[in-house]
Amino acid sequence: MVPLSTAVWDPAWFHDFTHDYSYQFKDKRGIWNGIRAEVFNPSSVATLSSCSRDCPFKGTQCEFKIKYKEYLDTLDFDDIMQRFEKLNKQIQKVENTNIDYTFVLIVYETPNNPCSERRLLIPWFQEHGYILTELDYPISS
């Protein structure tokens, strides 16, 4: 699996604490870190600043979610899948393997947050015949 960040602000560990959003590396477990899926980054939506913890629309009427859904609907799904395939081939070349990698979208918000873009990404992929599954891995030290 290869994690791809969709977040506006990646966690510091995702770029090995370099604060350089272009820095990519393999961690001690051999997992690639630092690769971003900019196309799904919610900062593409102008209303991002309207989203706040005090939002009275913690559901379907949220302006951010409406605008993010509209944004997703402008994306070319086939182009996105070609980007994933190209990235897969690049990693295969670096790793000198024929393994097909599974890409894992990392979003900023937690799964139980009703304002998370994951609530829109999951059905968007489903509309195109792909099922996204939430991964629930315990964090270990």
Foldseek 3Di string as FASTA:
>chain_A
DAEAELEPDDDCVLQPNPPDLCHWDQDPVRYIGSHYPPLNRLVVFVCPVVDDPPDPPQADVDPSQVRSLVSLVVDDPVVSVVVLVVVQVVVCVVVVHPDRDDYHYDYDDDPVRSPTCVVNVQVSVVVVPDHDDDDDDDDDD
